[in-house]
Amino acid sequence: MHKTLIVTNDFPPRPGGIQAFLHNMALRLDPGRLVVYASTWKRGREGALATAAFDAEQPFMVVRDRTTMLLPTPQATRRAAGLLREHGCTSVWFGAAAPLGLMAPALRRAGAERLVATTHGHEAGWAQLPAARQLLRRIGESTDTITYLGEYTRSRIATALTPAAAGRMVQLPPGVDEKTFHPGSGGDEVRARLGLTDRPVVVCVSRLVPRKGQDTLIQAMPRILAAEPDTVLLVVGGGPYERDLRRMAAETGVGDSVRFTGAVPWSELPAHYGAGDVFAMPCRTRRGGLDVEGLGIVYLEASATGLPVVAGDSGGAPDAVLDGETGWVVRGGEPAEAAERIVALLADPALRHRMGERGRRWVEDRWRWDLLAENLKDLL
């Protein structure tokens, strides 16, 4: 019986987009034919309890390495090979190609017949660094398929691979649960709780880090408020940039028009998307291309919720927007551009509705998890 071993650092309860990607895909594979080998979320009693509770709820087996950062060390590689043999796995899916894909030759010797390595945004950064490029090349040579999120990441990563490995690349983006993210997901309740019922709301759902562009939205708020004085920017998420963003809002004089929710439980995210009239995250590329958006699943979740989106032009973010149809792509780090598009949407309910409906249809046709999981099954 064909069984798959997933080897990954990125698995819940550790939060993040890659983690959600892998978990959603895993849930759509046959649980009786799946074993997950992952790192532990964080040290200490709290982390251990959260990890144990999460693992107990899964329909498949999860084996945790005691380390919080799983690396392709000899010890970890031996354990992965042992799990492969013990459970009779014939295929391996590396949740992130770099660096765990370096285990591939050892797992091939242990009996793996199919080895698939998935790339995200950070591998596009690796492709620009000489030493890391060599490691990516090794991973490409020793696996059967390297997957990519979109054309931006494919074009960058392919330059580090041999022509043969680049020719075996296959697109495998994350998907959207269209039954969870949908119009009517509870946004009215969130608006009422926050006292925003009668106000235009621009919502941004993301981790608070400089690349995501919450600072650009705050800098755009004076222009937005000049056109639509009651507008509120709803910043959903937590992260290390929050203190700077709060200070920036106060210094810009828009503190009363910016609301920070902090981190929100995953179960409440659909309602927070639904609280917006417009979704905006004008992400930008930083550190000479090393800090880049791989795809931007938040744009698709917003589209599934029926919102028009304003996206930045970082990396693969434009792959998640039909420019001019489901929303617009603007230059990251340009408050005036972001403000212009947001104001146009706030001023035109019919345009918002049209773009939101088009986005919803696009997600249903192209980005559903069940469709994408079938692609993964074929690769494995």
Protein backbone atom coordinates (compact mmCIF):
# COMPACT_ATOMS: atom_id res chain seq x y z
CA MET A 1 0.00 0.00 0.00
CA HIS A 2 1.37 3.39 -1.04
CA LYS A 3 2.15 5.57 1.97
CA THR A 4 3.63 9.07 2.23
CA LEU A 5 6.03 10.57 4.75
CA ILE A 6 5.83 14.36 5.15
CA VAL A 7 9.05 15.86 6.49
CA THR A 8 8.61 19.44 7.62
CA ASN A 9 9.51 22.21 10.00
CA ASP A 10 6.29 24.02 9.15
CA PHE A 11 3.31 22.37 10.77
CA PRO A 12 0.65 23.58 13.21
CA PRO A 13 0.25 24.50 15.96
CA ARG A 14 3.17 26.66 14.82
CA PRO A 15 1.31 29.56 13.13
CA GLY A 16 1.94 30.74 9.59
CA GLY A 17 0.98 30.46 5.96
CA ILE A 18 3.27 27.54 5.06
CA GLN A 19 1.98 25.67 8.11
CA ALA A 20 -1.62 26.17 7.01
CA PHE A 21 -0.70 25.10 3.46
CA LEU A 22 0.80 21.80 4.59
CA HIS A 23 -1.95 21.04 7.10
CA ASN A 24 -4.72 21.66 4.59
CA MET A 25 -3.03 19.44 2.04
CA ALA A 26 -2.40 16.71 4.63
CA LEU A 27 -6.06 16.70 5.64
CA ARG A 28 -7.00 15.91 2.04
CA LEU A 29 -4.69 12.90 1.73
CA ASP A 30 -5.67 9.42 2.91
CA PRO A 31 -4.99 9.57 6.70
CA GLY A 32 -4.28 5.85 6.86
CA ARG A 33 -1.47 6.30 4.36
CA LEU A 34 0.23 9.32 5.89
CA VAL A 35 2.92 9.93 8.51
CA VAL A 36 4.13 13.43 9.42
CA TYR A 37 7.62 13.99 10.85
CA ALA A 38 7.82 17.55 12.18
CA SER A 39 9.64 19.74 14.66
CA THR A 40 8.16 20.74 18.02
CA TRP A 41 6.49 24.16 18.06
CA LYS A 42 8.24 25.67 21.08
CA ARG A 43 9.92 24.56 24.26
CA GLY A 44 8.29 24.52 27.66
CA ARG A 45 5.10 23.13 29.12
CA GLU A 46 2.78 25.46 27.20
CA GLY A 47 4.27 24.54 23.84
CA ALA A 48 4.30 20.83 24.66
CA LEU A 49 0.65 20.87 25.72
CA ALA A 50 -0.46 22.82 22.64
CA THR A 51 1.46 20.49 20.35
CA ALA A 52 0.16 17.33 22.03
CA ALA A 53 -3.44 18.60 21.90
CA PHE A 54 -3.14 19.47 18.23
CA ASP A 55 -1.54 16.15 17.29
CA ALA A 56 -4.22 14.18 19.14
CA GLU A 57 -6.91 15.78 16.97
CA GLN A 58 -5.32 14.78 13.66
CA PRO A 59 -6.63 11.81 11.67
CA PHE A 60 -3.08 10.81 10.72
CA MET A 61 0.07 10.00 12.67
CA VAL A 62 2.31 12.91 13.69
CA VAL A 63 5.82 12.20 14.99
CA ARG A 64 7.61 15.14 16.59
CA ASP A 65 11.33 15.71 16.72
CA ARG A 66 12.31 17.17 20.09
CA THR A 67 14.03 20.13 18.47
CA THR A 68 12.15 23.31 17.60
CA MET A 69 14.05 23.57 14.30
CA LEU A 70 14.30 20.42 12.22
CA LEU A 71 17.45 20.45 10.09
CA PRO A 72 18.93 17.82 7.74
CA THR A 73 21.42 16.63 10.36
CA PRO A 74 22.62 13.01 10.35
CA GLN A 75 20.48 12.30 13.41
CA ALA A 76 17.28 13.76 11.93
CA THR A 77 17.96 12.09 8.59
CA ARG A 78 18.39 8.69 10.29
CA ARG A 79 15.12 9.17 12.13
CA ALA A 80 13.28 10.14 8.95
CA ALA A 81 14.71 7.08 7.19
CA GLY A 82 13.66 4.93 10.13
CA LEU A 83 10.11 6.21 9.97
CA LEU A 84 10.05 5.63 6.22
CA ARG A 85 11.06 1.97 6.66
CA GLU A 86 8.95 1.36 9.77
CA HIS A 87 5.73 2.53 8.15
CA GLY A 88 6.45 1.29 4.64
CA CYS A 89 6.36 4.73 3.05
CA THR A 90 7.21 4.86 -0.64
CA SER A 91 6.92 8.62 -1.19
CA VAL A 92 8.23 11.67 0.66
CA TRP A 93 6.95 15.22 0.61
CA PHE A 94 9.36 17.84 1.93
CA GLY A 95 7.10 20.66 3.15
CA ALA A 96 9.83 23.17 2.33
CA ALA A 97 12.57 22.19 -0.08
CA ALA A 98 15.25 24.24 1.69
CA PRO A 99 16.94 22.84 3.65
CA LEU A 100 15.17 19.54 4.43
CA GLY A 101 15.32 18.39 0.82
CA LEU A 102 19.00 17.66 1.47
CA MET A 103 17.76 14.45 3.16
CA ALA A 104 16.58 13.15 -0.20
CA PRO A 105 19.52 10.88 -1.15
CA ALA A 106 19.40 9.10 2.22
CA LEU A 107 15.64 8.62 2.00
CA ARG A 108 15.99 7.31 -1.55
CA ARG A 109 18.45 4.71 -0.24
CA ALA A 110 15.97 3.87 2.52
CA GLY A 111 13.32 2.97 -0.04
CA ALA A 112 11.58 6.16 -1.16
CA GLU A 113 10.43 5.86 -4.77
CA ARG A 114 9.01 9.38 -5.15
CA LEU A 115 10.49 12.52 -3.59
CA VAL A 116 8.65 15.83 -3.91
CA ALA A 117 10.03 19.10 -2.50
CA THR A 118 7.84 22.19 -2.24
CA THR A 119 9.28 25.68 -2.52
CA HIS A 120 7.92 28.91 -1.06
CA GLY A 121 9.18 32.49 -1.03
CA HIS A 122 12.41 31.85 0.89
CA GLU A 123 13.84 29.51 -1.74
CA ALA A 124 13.65 32.37 -4.24
CA GLY A 125 15.95 34.25 -1.85
CA TRP A 126 18.26 31.25 -1.56
CA ALA A 127 18.61 31.22 -5.34
CA GLN A 128 20.42 34.57 -5.16
CA LEU A 129 23.11 33.46 -2.70
CA PRO A 130 26.05 31.44 -4.09
CA ALA A 131 26.32 28.84 -1.30
CA ALA A 132 22.56 28.45 -1.01
CA ARG A 133 22.25 28.11 -4.79
CA GLN A 134 24.50 25.07 -4.64
CA LEU A 135 22.30 23.49 -1.97
CA LEU A 136 19.19 24.13 -4.06
CA ARG A 137 20.91 22.52 -7.03
CA ARG A 138 21.66 19.43 -4.94
CA ILE A 139 18.03 19.26 -3.81
CA GLY A 140 16.83 19.55 -7.39
CA GLU A 141 19.13 16.76 -8.56
CA SER A 142 18.08 14.35 -5.80
CA THR A 143 14.30 14.80 -5.88
CA ASP A 144 11.77 13.86 -8.55
CA THR A 145 9.86 17.13 -8.52
CA ILE A 146 10.30 20.62 -7.11
CA THR A 147 7.04 22.50 -6.84
CA TYR A 148 6.60 26.26 -7.01
CA LEU A 149 3.91 28.74 -5.99
CA GLY A 150 3.75 30.90 -9.10
CA GLU A 151 5.72 32.24 -12.03
CA TYR A 152 7.80 34.66 -9.97
CA THR A 153 9.18 32.00 -7.64
CA ARG A 154 9.58 29.50 -10.50
CA SER A 155 11.67 31.89 -12.56
CA ARG A 156 13.97 32.71 -9.65
CA ILE A 157 14.42 29.17 -8.35
CA ALA A 158 14.92 27.63 -11.80
CA THR A 159 18.11 29.64 -12.27
CA ALA A 160 19.72 27.68 -9.41
CA LEU A 161 18.75 24.25 -10.78
CA THR A 162 20.14 22.08 -13.53
CA PRO A 163 18.13 22.28 -16.76
CA ALA A 164 16.79 18.77 -16.10
CA ALA A 165 15.60 19.63 -12.60
CA ALA A 166 14.11 22.93 -13.77
CA GLY A 167 12.20 21.01 -16.42
CA ARG A 168 10.62 18.83 -13.74
CA MET A 169 9.21 21.77 -11.78
CA VAL A 170 5.41 21.71 -11.25
CA GLN A 171 3.15 24.41 -9.86
CA LEU A 172 1.57 23.59 -6.48
CA PRO A 173 0.19 26.70 -4.76
CA PRO A 174 -1.79 26.76 -1.53
CA GLY A 175 -5.55 26.86 -1.77
CA VAL A 176 -8.54 28.42 -0.10
CA ASP A 177 -11.33 26.72 1.83
CA GLU A 178 -14.22 28.36 0.04
CA LYS A 179 -16.66 26.93 2.57
CA THR A 180 -14.88 28.71 5.42
CA PHE A 181 -14.07 31.97 3.64
CA HIS A 182 -17.28 33.24 2.06
CA PRO A 183 -19.54 36.29 1.99
CA GLY A 184 -21.59 36.35 5.16
CA SER A 185 -18.78 34.89 7.27
CA GLY A 186 -19.65 36.99 10.33
CA GLY A 187 -18.25 40.38 9.43
CA ASP A 188 -21.28 42.26 10.72
CA GLU A 189 -20.72 40.87 14.21
CA VAL A 190 -17.07 41.95 14.18
CA ARG A 191 -18.04 45.42 12.96
CA ALA A 192 -20.64 45.75 15.71
CA ARG A 193 -18.21 44.58 18.39
CA LEU A 194 -15.61 47.12 17.27
CA GLY A 195 -18.12 49.95 16.83
CA LEU A 196 -17.60 50.14 13.07
CA THR A 197 -21.10 49.32 11.84
CA ASP A 198 -21.66 52.46 9.77
CA ARG A 199 -18.07 53.20 8.76
CA PRO A 200 -16.09 52.25 5.61
CA VAL A 201 -13.50 49.65 6.61
CA VAL A 202 -10.21 48.84 4.90
CA VAL A 203 -9.00 45.55 6.35
CA CYS A 204 -5.50 44.06 6.29
CA VAL A 205 -5.03 40.53 7.61
CA SER A 206 -1.39 39.51 7.98
CA ARG A 207 1.56 39.09 10.28
CA LEU A 208 2.90 42.51 11.31
CA VAL A 209 6.32 42.70 9.64
CA PRO A 210 7.71 45.48 7.39
CA ARG A 211 7.38 43.54 4.13
CA LYS A 212 3.58 43.27 4.39
CA GLY A 213 2.97 47.00 3.98
CA GLN A 214 0.79 47.95 6.94
CA ASP A 215 3.04 51.00 7.29
CA THR A 216 2.21 52.00 3.70
CA LEU A 217 -1.50 51.82 4.54
CA ILE A 218 -1.04 54.02 7.60
CA GLN A 219 0.87 56.55 5.49
CA ALA A 220 -1.96 56.40 2.93
CA MET A 221 -4.66 57.12 5.52
CA PRO A 222 -4.48 60.96 5.39
CA ARG A 223 -5.28 60.83 1.64
CA ILE A 224 -8.01 58.24 2.19
CA LEU A 225 -9.59 60.24 5.02
CA ALA A 226 -9.56 63.41 2.92
CA ALA A 227 -11.87 61.62 0.45
CA GLU A 228 -13.77 59.31 2.84
CA PRO A 229 -13.56 60.91 6.32
CA ASP A 230 -15.16 58.05 8.30
CA THR A 231 -12.84 55.33 7.00
CA VAL A 232 -11.19 52.96 9.47
CA LEU A 233 -8.09 50.87 8.79
CA LEU A 234 -8.54 47.52 10.56
CA VAL A 235 -5.13 45.88 11.09
CA VAL A 236 -5.63 42.20 11.93
CA GLY A 237 -2.71 40.14 13.18
CA GLY A 238 0.22 40.21 15.54
CA GLY A 239 3.94 40.50 15.04
CA PRO A 240 7.15 42.32 15.91
CA TYR A 241 6.26 45.45 13.91
CA GLU A 242 3.16 46.31 15.96
CA ARG A 243 4.78 48.84 18.29
CA ASP A 244 6.31 50.74 15.37
CA LEU A 245 3.00 50.73 13.51
CA ARG A 246 1.09 52.09 16.49
CA ARG A 247 3.65 54.86 16.88
CA MET A 248 3.48 55.63 13.17
CA ALA A 249 -0.33 55.91 13.31
CA ALA A 250 -0.09 58.38 16.19
CA GLU A 251 2.67 60.43 14.55
CA THR A 252 0.77 60.54 11.25
CA GLY A 253 -2.27 61.89 13.07
CA VAL A 254 -4.53 58.97 12.11
CA GLY A 255 -4.46 57.05 15.39
CA ASP A 256 -8.23 57.38 15.86
CA SER A 257 -8.82 55.85 12.43
CA VAL A 258 -6.57 52.78 12.81
CA ARG A 259 -7.63 49.77 14.88
CA PHE A 260 -5.26 46.97 15.84
CA THR A 261 -6.85 43.65 16.80
CA GLY A 262 -3.66 41.82 17.69
CA ALA A 263 -3.40 38.13 16.87
CA VAL A 264 -6.79 36.57 16.08
CA PRO A 265 -7.64 32.85 16.39
CA TRP A 266 -7.81 31.12 13.03
CA SER A 267 -11.49 30.34 13.54
CA GLU A 268 -12.25 34.07 13.70
CA LEU A 269 -10.26 35.12 10.62
CA PRO A 270 -13.09 34.70 8.10
CA ALA A 271 -15.29 37.07 10.11
CA HIS A 272 -12.49 39.63 10.27
CA TYR A 273 -12.07 39.53 6.50
CA GLY A 274 -15.83 39.95 6.25
CA ALA A 275 -15.69 43.07 8.41
CA GLY A 276 -13.98 44.93 5.56
CA ASP A 277 -15.30 46.73 2.51
CA VAL A 278 -11.87 46.55 0.86
CA PHE A 279 -8.90 44.27 1.55
CA ALA A 280 -5.47 45.88 1.18
CA MET A 281 -1.94 44.59 1.76
CA PRO A 282 0.52 46.58 -0.38
CA CYS A 283 3.50 44.28 0.26
CA ARG A 284 6.97 45.18 -0.98
CA THR A 285 10.25 43.36 -1.59
CA ARG A 286 13.05 44.05 0.89
CA ARG A 287 16.71 43.17 1.48
CA GLY A 288 17.64 43.13 -2.17
CA GLY A 289 15.10 40.45 -3.01
CA LEU A 290 15.80 38.16 -0.05
CA ASP A 291 12.60 39.21 1.77
CA VAL A 292 9.83 38.67 -0.77
CA GLU A 293 6.19 37.60 -0.91
CA GLY A 294 5.90 34.05 -2.22
CA LEU A 295 2.23 34.24 -3.25
CA GLY A 296 -0.07 36.02 -0.80
CA ILE A 297 -2.85 33.61 0.10
CA VAL A 298 -4.56 36.42 2.03
CA TYR A 299 -5.64 38.01 -1.24
CA LEU A 300 -7.40 34.81 -2.25
CA GLU A 301 -9.04 34.42 1.16
CA ALA A 302 -10.30 37.99 0.82
CA SER A 303 -11.57 37.26 -2.68
CA ALA A 304 -13.38 34.17 -1.41
CA THR A 305 -15.02 36.41 1.18
CA GLY A 306 -16.27 38.65 -1.62
CA LEU A 307 -13.91 41.60 -1.13
CA PRO A 308 -11.99 43.53 -3.81
CA VAL A 309 -8.27 43.49 -3.09
CA VAL A 310 -5.39 45.95 -3.34
CA ALA A 311 -2.12 44.03 -3.48
CA GLY A 312 1.53 45.00 -3.55
CA ASP A 313 3.85 43.96 -6.37
CA SER A 314 6.28 41.94 -4.25
CA GLY A 315 7.32 38.60 -5.70
CA GLY A 316 4.40 36.32 -6.44
CA ALA A 317 1.69 38.49 -4.89
CA PRO A 318 0.34 39.53 -8.33
CA ASP A 319 -0.32 35.83 -9.06
CA ALA A 320 -3.12 35.99 -6.48
CA VAL A 321 -4.91 38.91 -8.16
CA LEU A 322 -6.58 39.32 -11.54
CA ASP A 323 -5.47 42.91 -11.99
CA GLY A 324 -8.44 45.06 -12.90
CA GLU A 325 -10.90 42.19 -12.30
CA THR A 326 -10.60 40.98 -8.68
CA GLY A 327 -8.70 44.07 -7.55
CA TRP A 328 -5.55 45.97 -8.36
CA VAL A 329 -1.79 45.56 -7.98
CA VAL A 330 0.09 48.66 -6.81
CA ARG A 331 3.75 49.37 -6.27
CA GLY A 332 4.75 48.32 -2.78
CA GLY A 333 5.85 51.15 -0.52
CA GLU A 334 3.88 53.80 -2.46
CA PRO A 335 1.17 55.26 -0.17
CA ALA A 336 -0.26 57.51 -2.91
CA GLU A 337 -0.90 54.57 -5.24
CA ALA A 338 -2.51 52.52 -2.50
CA ALA A 339 -4.68 55.45 -1.44
CA GLU A 340 -5.86 56.13 -5.00
CA ARG A 341 -7.07 52.55 -5.52
CA ILE A 342 -8.63 52.26 -2.06
CA VAL A 343 -10.51 55.54 -2.45
CA ALA A 344 -11.81 54.45 -5.87
CA LEU A 345 -13.21 51.29 -4.32
CA LEU A 346 -14.69 52.97 -1.25
CA ALA A 347 -16.46 55.51 -3.47
CA ASP A 348 -18.04 52.92 -5.79
CA PRO A 349 -20.17 50.15 -4.17
CA ALA A 350 -21.01 48.67 -7.59
CA LEU A 351 -17.31 48.32 -8.44
CA ARG A 352 -16.61 46.69 -5.07
CA HIS A 353 -19.44 44.24 -5.61
CA ARG A 354 -18.35 43.40 -9.16
CA MET A 355 -14.71 42.78 -8.21
CA GLY A 356 -15.73 40.83 -5.11
CA GLU A 357 -18.04 38.56 -7.10
CA ARG A 358 -15.36 37.97 -9.76
CA GLY A 359 -12.85 37.08 -7.06
CA ARG A 360 -15.24 34.61 -5.46
CA ARG A 361 -15.82 32.85 -8.79
CA TRP A 362 -12.07 32.72 -9.48
CA VAL A 363 -11.39 31.06 -6.14
CA GLU A 364 -14.13 28.49 -6.75
CA ASP A 365 -12.80 27.72 -10.24
CA ARG A 366 -9.06 27.75 -9.61
CA TRP A 367 -7.99 27.80 -5.95
CA ARG A 368 -10.06 25.23 -4.07
CA TRP A 369 -8.09 22.92 -1.80
CA ASP A 370 -9.69 19.77 -3.17
CA LEU A 371 -8.52 20.59 -6.72
CA LEU A 372 -4.96 21.34 -5.60
CA ALA A 373 -4.75 18.28 -3.35
CA GLU A 374 -5.50 16.08 -6.37
CA ASN A 375 -2.42 17.57 -8.04
CA LEU A 376 -0.31 16.67 -5.02
CA LYS A 377 -1.65 13.10 -5.01
CA ASP A 378 -0.60 12.75 -8.64
CA LEU A 379 2.92 13.98 -7.84
CA LEU A 380 3.26 11.53 -4.95
